């Protein structure tokens, strides 16, 4: 695969890890009464490539699971991110 493909895949991986950590930090803030991460920020990071990590974070931390926008939106963003990865892998052959 070309360098650009590896860079794109690396970007998506980093964004997913970042989204996973954000969900964990927001859950910890919710429990301790600290300032929260805005939902808009969580969705933006998910949209920009962190959908898989955000969905995993939502499930692992059991965070935002009662919000319909997160229950349905994050899986859709994760599928979108995975489709992008699949398209990159397919066209890079």
PDB file of N, CA and C in Angstrom:
ATOM      1  N   UNK A   1       0.844  -1.187   0.000  1.00  0.00           N
ATOM      2  CA  UNK A   1       0.000   0.000   0.000  1.00  0.00           C
ATOM      3  C   UNK A   1       0.881   1.239   0.000  1.00  0.00           C
ATOM      4  N   UNK A   2       0.325   2.295  -0.513  1.00  0.00           N
ATOM      5  CA  UNK A   2       1.102   3.525  -0.615  1.00  0.00           C
ATOM      6  C   UNK A   2       1.173   4.251   0.727  1.00  0.00           C
ATOM      7  N   UNK A   3       2.043   5.203   0.786  1.00  0.00           N
ATOM      8  CA  UNK A   3       2.245   5.974   2.012  1.00  0.00           C
ATOM      9  C   UNK A   3       0.988   6.728   2.423  1.00  0.00           C
ATOM     10  N   UNK A   4       0.278   7.270   1.464  1.00  0.00           N
ATOM     11  CA  UNK A   4      -0.928   8.047   1.781  1.00  0.00           C
ATOM     12  C   UNK A   4      -1.989   7.157   2.425  1.00  0.00           C
ATOM     13  N   UNK A   5      -2.081   5.921   1.984  1.00  0.00           N
ATOM     14  CA  UNK A   5      -3.053   4.987   2.571  1.00  0.00           C
ATOM     15  C   UNK A   5      -2.702   4.727   4.028  1.00  0.00           C
ATOM     16  N   UNK A   6      -1.418   4.484   4.288  1.00  0.00           N
ATOM     17  CA  UNK A   6      -0.986   4.248   5.667  1.00  0.00           C
ATOM     18  C   UNK A   6      -1.226   5.468   6.536  1.00  0.00           C
ATOM     19  N   UNK A   7      -1.005   6.651   5.980  1.00  0.00           N
ATOM     20  CA  UNK A   7      -1.261   7.877   6.746  1.00  0.00           C
ATOM     21  C   UNK A   7      -2.744   8.024   7.076  1.00  0.00           C
ATOM     22  N   UNK A   8      -3.610   7.736   6.112  1.00  0.00           N
ATOM     23  CA  UNK A   8      -5.056   7.822   6.360  1.00  0.00           C
ATOM     24  C   UNK A   8      -5.510   6.796   7.388  1.00  0.00           C
ATOM     25  N   UNK A   9      -5.004   5.580   7.275  1.00  0.00           N
ATOM     26  CA  UNK A   9      -5.370   4.554   8.253  1.00  0.00           C
ATOM     27  C   UNK A   9      -4.839   4.911   9.643  1.00  0.00           C
ATOM     28  N   UNK A  10      -3.637   5.449   9.696  1.00  0.00           N
ATOM     29  CA  UNK A  10      -3.074   5.894  10.977  1.00  0.00           C
ATOM     30  C   UNK A  10      -3.893   7.015  11.580  1.00  0.00           C
ATOM     31  N   UNK A  11      -4.340   7.950  10.739  1.00  0.00           N
ATOM     32  CA  UNK A  11      -5.184   9.051  11.207  1.00  0.00           C
ATOM     33  C   UNK A  11      -6.474   8.517  11.824  1.00  0.00           C
ATOM     34  N   UNK A  12      -7.131   7.588  11.127  1.00  0.00           N
ATOM     35  CA  UNK A  12      -8.378   7.021  11.645  1.00  0.00           C
ATOM     36  C   UNK A  12      -8.145   6.271  12.950  1.00  0.00           C
ATOM     37  N   UNK A  13      -7.022   5.580  13.054  1.00  0.00           N
ATOM     38  CA  UNK A  13      -6.696   4.868  14.296  1.00  0.00           C
ATOM     39  C   UNK A  13      -6.495   5.852  15.450  1.00  0.00           C
ATOM     40  N   UNK A  14      -5.723   6.910  15.210  1.00  0.00           N
ATOM     41  CA  UNK A  14      -5.448   7.910  16.253  1.00  0.00           C
ATOM     42  C   UNK A  14      -6.747   8.591  16.685  1.00  0.00           C
ATOM     43  N   UNK A  15      -7.605   8.926  15.735  1.00  0.00           N
ATOM     44  CA  UNK A  15      -8.871   9.578  16.074  1.00  0.00           C
ATOM     45  C   UNK A  15      -9.769   8.647  16.881  1.00  0.00           C
ATOM     46  N   UNK A  16      -9.744   7.356  16.564  1.00  0.00           N
ATOM     47  CA  UNK A  16     -10.554   6.398  17.323  1.00  0.00           C
ATOM     48  C   UNK A  16     -10.051   6.261  18.756  1.00  0.00           C
ATOM     49  N   UNK A  17      -8.746   6.206  18.927  1.00  0.00           N
ATOM     50  CA  UNK A  17      -8.180   6.133  20.278  1.00  0.00           C
ATOM     51  C   UNK A  17      -8.521   7.406  21.046  1.00  0.00           C
ATOM     52  N   UNK A  18      -8.399   8.557  20.383  1.00  0.00           N
ATOM     53  CA  UNK A  18      -8.719   9.841  21.010  1.00  0.00           C
ATOM     54  C   UNK A  18     -10.185   9.881  21.439  1.00  0.00           C
ATOM     55  N   UNK A  19     -11.094   9.413  20.574  1.00  0.00           N
ATOM     56  CA  UNK A  19     -12.525   9.401  20.902  1.00  0.00           C
ATOM     57  C   UNK A  19     -12.801   8.474  22.082  1.00  0.00           C
ATOM     58  N   UNK A  20     -12.162   7.316  22.100  1.00  0.00           N
ATOM     59  CA  UNK A  20     -12.329   6.370  23.206  1.00  0.00           C
ATOM     60  C   UNK A  20     -11.915   7.013  24.525  1.00  0.00           C
ATOM     61  N   UNK A  21     -10.779   7.694  24.517  1.00  0.00           N
ATOM     62  CA  UNK A  21     -10.284   8.368  25.726  1.00  0.00           C
ATOM     63  C   UNK A  21     -11.217   9.504  26.136  1.00  0.00           C
ATOM     64  N   UNK A  22     -11.727  10.261  25.159  1.00  0.00           N
ATOM     65  CA  UNK A  22     -12.664  11.350  25.470  1.00  0.00           C
ATOM     66  C   UNK A  22     -13.896  10.827  26.198  1.00  0.00           C
ATOM     67  N   UNK A  23     -14.445   9.714  25.727  1.00  0.00           N
ATOM     68  CA  UNK A  23     -15.625   9.145  26.386  1.00  0.00           C
ATOM     69  C   UNK A  23     -15.301   8.724  27.808  1.00  0.00           C
ATOM     70  N   UNK A  24     -14.129   8.138  28.014  1.00  0.00           N
ATOM     71  CA  UNK A  24     -13.723   7.759  29.367  1.00  0.00           C
ATOM     72  C   UNK A  24     -13.543   8.965  30.269  1.00  0.00           C
ATOM     73  N   UNK A  25     -12.930  10.020  29.729  1.00  0.00           N
ATOM     74  CA  UNK A  25     -12.739  11.243  30.519  1.00  0.00           C
ATOM     75  C   UNK A  25     -14.066  11.911  30.856  1.00  0.00           C
ATOM     76  N   UNK A  26     -15.001  11.915  29.902  1.00  0.00           N
ATOM     77  CA  UNK A  26     -16.292  12.536  30.162  1.00  0.00           C
ATOM     78  C   UNK A  26     -17.081  11.733  31.195  1.00  0.00           C
ATOM     79  N   UNK A  27     -16.968  10.423  31.156  1.00  0.00           N
ATOM     80  CA  UNK A  27     -17.644   9.595  32.164  1.00  0.00           C
ATOM     81  C   UNK A  27     -17.059   9.871  33.554  1.00  0.00           C
ATOM     82  N   UNK A  28     -15.728   9.979  33.635  1.00  0.00           N
ATOM     83  CA  UNK A  28     -15.082  10.277  34.922  1.00  0.00           C
ATOM     84  C   UNK A  28     -15.497  11.659  35.422  1.00  0.00           C
ATOM     85  N   UNK A  29     -15.606  12.618  34.513  1.00  0.00           N
ATOM     86  CA  UNK A  29     -16.044  13.962  34.901  1.00  0.00           C
ATOM     87  C   UNK A  29     -17.483  13.941  35.392  1.00  0.00           C
ATOM     88  N   UNK A  30     -18.321  13.142  34.754  1.00  0.00           N
ATOM     89  CA  UNK A  30     -19.727  13.045  35.170  1.00  0.00           C
ATOM     90  C   UNK A  30     -19.839  12.464  36.571  1.00  0.00           C
ATOM     91  N   UNK A  31     -19.026  11.466  36.859  1.00  0.00           N
ATOM     92  CA  UNK A  31     -19.079  10.838  38.176  1.00  0.00           C
ATOM     93  C   UNK A  31     -18.568  11.751  39.284  1.00  0.00           C
ATOM     94  N   UNK A  32     -17.564  12.577  38.973  1.00  0.00           N
ATOM     95  CA  UNK A  32     -16.947  13.387  40.022  1.00  0.00           C
ATOM     96  C   UNK A  32     -17.482  14.815  40.067  1.00  0.00           C
ATOM     97  N   UNK A  33     -18.422  15.137  39.198  1.00  0.00           N
ATOM     98  CA  UNK A  33     -19.023  16.464  39.227  1.00  0.00           C
ATOM     99  C   UNK A  33     -18.171  17.553  38.588  1.00  0.00           C
ATOM    100  N   UNK A  34     -17.153  17.162  37.826  1.00  0.00           N
ATOM    101  CA  UNK A  34     -16.315  18.148  37.132  1.00  0.00           C
ATOM    102  C   UNK A  34     -16.982  18.611  35.849  1.00  0.00           C
ATOM    103  N   UNK A  35     -16.349  19.591  35.217  1.00  0.00           N
ATOM    104  CA  UNK A  35     -16.859  20.116  33.952  1.00  0.00           C
ATOM    105  C   UNK A  35     -16.822  19.035  32.884  1.00  0.00           C
ATOM    106  N   UNK A  36     -17.904  18.946  32.111  1.00  0.00           N
ATOM    107  CA  UNK A  36     -18.088  17.883  31.119  1.00  0.00           C
ATOM    108  C   UNK A  36     -17.589  18.299  29.747  1.00  0.00           C
ATOM    109  N   UNK A  37     -17.373  17.314  28.904  1.00  0.00           N
ATOM    110  CA  UNK A  37     -17.037  17.549  27.495  1.00  0.00           C
ATOM    111  C   UNK A  37     -18.356  17.711  26.751  1.00  0.00           C
ATOM    112  N   UNK A  38     -18.506  18.796  25.981  1.00  0.00           N
ATOM    113  CA  UNK A  38     -19.779  19.009  25.268  1.00  0.00           C
ATOM    114  C   UNK A  38     -20.092  17.860  24.304  1.00  0.00           C
ATOM    115  N   UNK A  39     -21.379  17.535  24.204  1.00  0.00           N
ATOM    116  CA  UNK A  39     -21.806  16.477  23.295  1.00  0.00           C
ATOM    117  C   UNK A  39     -21.409  16.794  21.867  1.00  0.00           C
ATOM    118  N   UNK A  40     -21.448  18.035  21.519  1.00  0.00           N
ATOM    119  CA  UNK A  40     -21.051  18.453  20.172  1.00  0.00           C
ATOM    120  C   UNK A  40     -19.608  18.049  19.883  1.00  0.00           C
ATOM    121  N   UNK A  41     -18.734  18.200  20.870  1.00  0.00           N
ATOM    122  CA  UNK A  41     -17.330  17.818  20.707  1.00  0.00           C
ATOM    123  C   UNK A  41     -17.206  16.318  20.520  1.00  0.00           C
ATOM    124  N   UNK A  42     -17.951  15.546  21.303  1.00  0.00           N
ATOM    125  CA  UNK A  42     -17.909  14.091  21.177  1.00  0.00           C
ATOM    126  C   UNK A  42     -18.350  13.650  19.777  1.00  0.00           C
ATOM    127  N   UNK A  43     -19.409  14.264  19.265  1.00  0.00           N
ATOM    128  CA  UNK A  43     -19.883  13.919  17.929  1.00  0.00           C
ATOM    129  C   UNK A  43     -18.909  14.385  16.847  1.00  0.00           C
ATOM    130  N   UNK A  44     -18.313  15.552  17.029  1.00  0.00           N
ATOM    131  CA  UNK A  44     -17.378  16.066  16.032  1.00  0.00           C
ATOM    132  C   UNK A  44     -16.160  15.158  15.894  1.00  0.00           C
ATOM    133  N   UNK A  45     -15.603  14.740  17.016  1.00  0.00           N
ATOM    134  CA  UNK A  45     -14.457  13.824  16.979  1.00  0.00           C
ATOM    135  C   UNK A  45     -14.864  12.506  16.317  1.00  0.00           C
ATOM    136  N   UNK A  46     -16.069  12.056  16.585  1.00  0.00           N
ATOM    137  CA  UNK A  46     -16.568  10.823  15.971  1.00  0.00           C
ATOM    138  C   UNK A  46     -16.702  10.980  14.463  1.00  0.00           C
ATOM    139  N   UNK A  47     -17.236  12.099  14.038  1.00  0.00           N
ATOM    140  CA  UNK A  47     -17.427  12.367  12.618  1.00  0.00           C
ATOM    141  C   UNK A  47     -16.104  12.495  11.888  1.00  0.00           C
ATOM    142  N   UNK A  48     -15.108  13.050  12.535  1.00  0.00           N
ATOM    143  CA  UNK A  48     -13.807  13.282  11.903  1.00  0.00           C
ATOM    144  C   UNK A  48     -12.898  12.058  11.912  1.00  0.00           C
ATOM    145  N   UNK A  49     -13.458  10.889  12.131  1.00  0.00           N
ATOM    146  CA  UNK A  49     -12.683   9.668  12.025  1.00  0.00           C
ATOM    147  C   UNK A  49     -12.647   8.819  13.273  1.00  0.00           C
ATOM    148  N   UNK A  50     -13.256   9.269  14.356  1.00  0.00           N
ATOM    149  CA  UNK A  50     -13.204   8.516  15.599  1.00  0.00           C
ATOM    150  C   UNK A  50     -14.454   7.727  15.909  1.00  0.00           C
ATOM    151  N   UNK A  51     -15.255   7.433  14.898  1.00  0.00           N
ATOM    152  CA  UNK A  51     -16.529   6.750  15.120  1.00  0.00           C
ATOM    153  C   UNK A  51     -16.406   5.398  15.792  1.00  0.00           C
ATOM    154  N   UNK A  52     -15.436   4.616  15.375  1.00  0.00           N
ATOM    155  CA  UNK A  52     -15.263   3.277  15.947  1.00  0.00           C
ATOM    156  C   UNK A  52     -14.850   3.383  17.417  1.00  0.00           C
ATOM    157  N   UNK A  53     -13.903   4.265  17.703  1.00  0.00           N
ATOM    158  CA  UNK A  53     -13.450   4.443  19.081  1.00  0.00           C
ATOM    159  C   UNK A  53     -14.522   5.037  19.973  1.00  0.00           C
ATOM    160  N   UNK A  54     -15.321   5.951  19.418  1.00  0.00           N
ATOM    161  CA  UNK A  54     -16.404   6.552  20.188  1.00  0.00           C
ATOM    162  C   UNK A  54     -17.459   5.511  20.545  1.00  0.00           C
ATOM    163  N   UNK A  55     -17.805   4.686  19.584  1.00  0.00           N
ATOM    164  CA  UNK A  55     -18.794   3.633  19.829  1.00  0.00           C
ATOM    165  C   UNK A  55     -18.260   2.647  20.856  1.00  0.00           C
ATOM    166  N   UNK A  56     -16.995   2.270  20.704  1.00  0.00           N
ATOM    167  CA  UNK A  56     -16.373   1.362  21.681  1.00  0.00           C
ATOM    168  C   UNK A  56     -16.326   2.009  23.057  1.00  0.00           C
ATOM    169  N   UNK A  57     -16.010   3.301  23.110  1.00  0.00           N
ATOM    170  CA  UNK A  57     -15.978   4.013  24.383  1.00  0.00           C
ATOM    171  C   UNK A  57     -17.346   4.102  25.026  1.00  0.00           C
ATOM    172  N   UNK A  58     -18.365   4.337  24.215  1.00  0.00           N
ATOM    173  CA  UNK A  58     -19.724   4.405  24.737  1.00  0.00           C
ATOM    174  C   UNK A  58     -20.103   3.069  25.380  1.00  0.00           C
ATOM    175  N   UNK A  59     -19.743   1.976  24.730  1.00  0.00           N
ATOM    176  CA  UNK A  59     -20.080   0.654  25.265  1.00  0.00           C
ATOM    177  C   UNK A  59     -19.194   0.281  26.451  1.00  0.00           C
ATOM    178  N   UNK A  60     -17.897   0.541  26.352  1.00  0.00           N
ATOM    179  CA  UNK A  60     -16.968   0.162  27.420  1.00  0.00           C
ATOM    180  C   UNK A  60     -17.222   0.946  28.700  1.00  0.00           C
ATOM    181  N   UNK A  61     -17.451   2.239  28.570  1.00  0.00           N
ATOM    182  CA  UNK A  61     -17.653   3.088  29.746  1.00  0.00           C
ATOM    183  C   UNK A  61     -19.126   3.176  30.145  1.00  0.00           C
ATOM    184  N   UNK A  62     -20.011   2.582  29.333  1.00  0.00           N
ATOM    185  CA  UNK A  62     -21.464   2.694  29.551  1.00  0.00           C
ATOM    186  C   UNK A  62     -21.865   4.150  29.720  1.00  0.00           C
ATOM    187  N   UNK A  63     -21.439   4.930  28.737  1.00  0.00           N
ATOM    188  CA  UNK A  63     -21.620   6.369  28.803  1.00  0.00           C
ATOM    189  C   UNK A  63     -22.433   6.851  27.606  1.00  0.00           C
ATOM    190  N   UNK A  64     -23.428   7.664  27.852  1.00  0.00           N
ATOM    191  CA  UNK A  64     -24.318   8.234  26.844  1.00  0.00           C
ATOM    192  C   UNK A  64     -25.204   7.166  26.192  1.00  0.00           C
ATOM    193  N   UNK A  65     -25.405   6.065  26.862  1.00  0.00           N
ATOM    194  CA  UNK A  65     -26.187   4.973  26.283  1.00  0.00           C
ATOM    195  C   UNK A  65     -27.689   5.231  26.317  1.00  0.00           C
ATOM    196  N   UNK A  66     -28.127   6.178  27.108  1.00  0.00           N
ATOM    197  CA  UNK A  66     -29.562   6.490  27.173  1.00  0.00           C
ATOM    198  C   UNK A  66     -29.973   7.545  26.154  1.00  0.00           C
ATOM    199  N   UNK A  67     -29.007   8.202  25.556  1.00  0.00           N
ATOM    200  CA  UNK A  67     -29.292   9.242  24.560  1.00  0.00           C
ATOM    201  C   UNK A  67     -29.484   8.580  23.197  1.00  0.00           C
ATOM    202  N   UNK A  68     -30.664   8.750  22.618  1.00  0.00           N
ATOM    203  CA  UNK A  68     -30.954   8.130  21.318  1.00  0.00           C
ATOM    204  C   UNK A  68     -29.996   8.624  20.243  1.00  0.00           C
ATOM    205  N   UNK A  69     -29.614   9.893  20.317  1.00  0.00           N
ATOM    206  CA  UNK A  69     -28.696  10.419  19.301  1.00  0.00           C
ATOM    207  C   UNK A  69     -27.352   9.704  19.341  1.00  0.00           C
ATOM    208  N   UNK A  70     -26.914   9.286  20.514  1.00  0.00           N
ATOM    209  CA  UNK A  70     -25.663   8.542  20.632  1.00  0.00           C
ATOM    210  C   UNK A  70     -25.876   7.063  20.323  1.00  0.00           C
ATOM    211  N   UNK A  71     -26.980   6.500  20.805  1.00  0.00           N
ATOM    212  CA  UNK A  71     -27.250   5.071  20.572  1.00  0.00           C
ATOM    213  C   UNK A  71     -27.335   4.734  19.094  1.00  0.00           C
ATOM    214  N   UNK A  72     -27.890   5.651  18.298  1.00  0.00           N
ATOM    215  CA  UNK A  72     -28.049   5.390  16.871  1.00  0.00           C
ATOM    216  C   UNK A  72     -27.000   6.113  16.031  1.00  0.00           C
ATOM    217  N   UNK A  73     -26.583   7.283  16.477  1.00  0.00           N
ATOM    218  CA  UNK A  73     -25.631   8.089  15.708  1.00  0.00           C
ATOM    219  C   UNK A  73     -24.228   7.517  15.693  1.00  0.00           C
ATOM    220  N   UNK A  74     -23.746   7.062  16.846  1.00  0.00           N
ATOM    221  CA  UNK A  74     -22.379   6.545  16.897  1.00  0.00           C
ATOM    222  C   UNK A  74     -22.203   5.266  16.083  1.00  0.00           C
ATOM    223  N   UNK A  75     -23.135   4.319  16.140  1.00  0.00           N
ATOM    224  CA  UNK A  75     -22.964   3.160  15.252  1.00  0.00           C
ATOM    225  C   UNK A  75     -22.955   3.550  13.773  1.00  0.00           C
ATOM    226  N   UNK A  76     -23.777   4.531  13.397  1.00  0.00           N
ATOM    227  CA  UNK A  76     -23.769   4.987  12.001  1.00  0.00           C
ATOM    228  C   UNK A  76     -22.432   5.617  11.631  1.00  0.00           C
ATOM    229  N   UNK A  77     -21.884   6.424  12.529  1.00  0.00           N
ATOM    230  CA  UNK A  77     -20.581   7.026  12.261  1.00  0.00           C
ATOM    231  C   UNK A  77     -19.483   5.968  12.226  1.00  0.00           C
ATOM    232  N   UNK A  78     -19.597   4.955  13.071  1.00  0.00           N
ATOM    233  CA  UNK A  78     -18.615   3.869  13.064  1.00  0.00           C
ATOM    234  C   UNK A  78     -18.672   3.118  11.734  1.00  0.00           C
ATOM    235  N   UNK A  79     -19.868   2.846  11.241  1.00  0.00           N
ATOM    236  CA  UNK A  79     -20.016   2.164   9.953  1.00  0.00           C
ATOM    237  C   UNK A  79     -19.453   3.042   8.840  1.00  0.00           C
ATOM    238  N   UNK A  80     -19.704   4.330   8.912  1.00  0.00           N
ATOM    239  CA  UNK A  80     -19.148   5.257   7.921  1.00  0.00           C
ATOM    240  C   UNK A  80     -17.626   5.214   7.953  1.00  0.00           C
ATOM    241  N   UNK A  81     -17.043   5.262   9.133  1.00  0.00           N
ATOM    242  CA  UNK A  81     -15.582   5.197   9.260  1.00  0.00           C
ATOM    243  C   UNK A  81     -15.048   3.869   8.728  1.00  0.00           C
ATOM    244  N   UNK A  82     -15.722   2.759   9.037  1.00  0.00           N
ATOM    245  CA  UNK A  82     -15.289   1.455   8.535  1.00  0.00           C
ATOM    246  C   UNK A  82     -15.432   1.357   7.021  1.00  0.00           C
ATOM    247  N   UNK A  83     -16.475   1.982   6.462  1.00  0.00           N
ATOM    248  CA  UNK A  83     -16.640   2.006   5.009  1.00  0.00           C
ATOM    249  C   UNK A  83     -15.498   2.779   4.351  1.00  0.00           C
ATOM    250  N   UNK A  84     -15.078   3.851   4.989  1.00  0.00           N
ATOM    251  CA  UNK A  84     -13.951   4.615   4.460  1.00  0.00           C
ATOM    252  C   UNK A  84     -12.682   3.770   4.485  1.00  0.00           C
ATOM    253  N   UNK A  85     -12.468   3.062   5.586  1.00  0.00           N
ATOM    254  CA  UNK A  85     -11.301   2.176   5.683  1.00  0.00           C
ATOM    255  C   UNK A  85     -11.370   1.095   4.603  1.00  0.00           C
ATOM    256  N   UNK A  86     -12.542   0.521   4.414  1.00  0.00           N
ATOM    257  CA  UNK A  86     -12.714  -0.498   3.378  1.00  0.00           C
ATOM    258  C   UNK A  86     -12.455   0.045   1.985  1.00  0.00           C
ATOM    259  N   UNK A  87     -12.950   1.247   1.716  1.00  0.00           N
ATOM    260  CA  UNK A  87     -12.729   1.866   0.405  1.00  0.00           C
ATOM    261  C   UNK A  87     -11.249   2.158   0.188  1.00  0.00           C
ATOM    262  N   UNK A  88     -10.583   2.636   1.226  1.00  0.00           N
ATOM    263  CA  UNK A  88      -9.153   2.908   1.099  1.00  0.00           C
ATOM    264  C   UNK A  88      -8.398   1.620   0.810  1.00  0.00           C
ATOM    265  N   UNK A  89      -8.713   0.564   1.543  1.00  0.00           N
ATOM    266  CA  UNK A  89      -8.025  -0.713   1.362  1.00  0.00           C
ATOM    267  C   UNK A  89      -8.327  -1.293  -0.032  1.00  0.00           C
ATOM    268  N   UNK A  90      -9.560  -1.159  -0.489  1.00  0.00           N
ATOM    269  CA  UNK A  90      -9.949  -1.693  -1.795  1.00  0.00           C
ATOM    270  C   UNK A  90      -9.232  -0.971  -2.930  1.00  0.00           C
ATOM    271  N   UNK A  91      -9.257   0.347  -2.896  1.00  0.00           N
ATOM    272  CA  UNK A  91      -8.677   1.111  -3.993  1.00  0.00           C
ATOM    273  C   UNK A  91      -7.159   1.197  -3.926  1.00  0.00           C
ATOM    274  N   UNK A  92      -6.582   0.808  -2.811  1.00  0.00           N
ATOM    275  CA  UNK A  92      -5.121   0.856  -2.676  1.00  0.00           C
ATOM    276  C   UNK A  92      -4.475  -0.425  -3.187  1.00  0.00           C
ATOM    277  N   UNK A  93      -5.259  -1.405  -3.574  1.00  0.00           N
ATOM    278  CA  UNK A  93      -4.682  -2.671  -4.040  1.00  0.00           C
ATOM    279  C   UNK A  93      -3.881  -2.499  -5.282  1.00  0.00           C
TER     280      UNK A  93
END
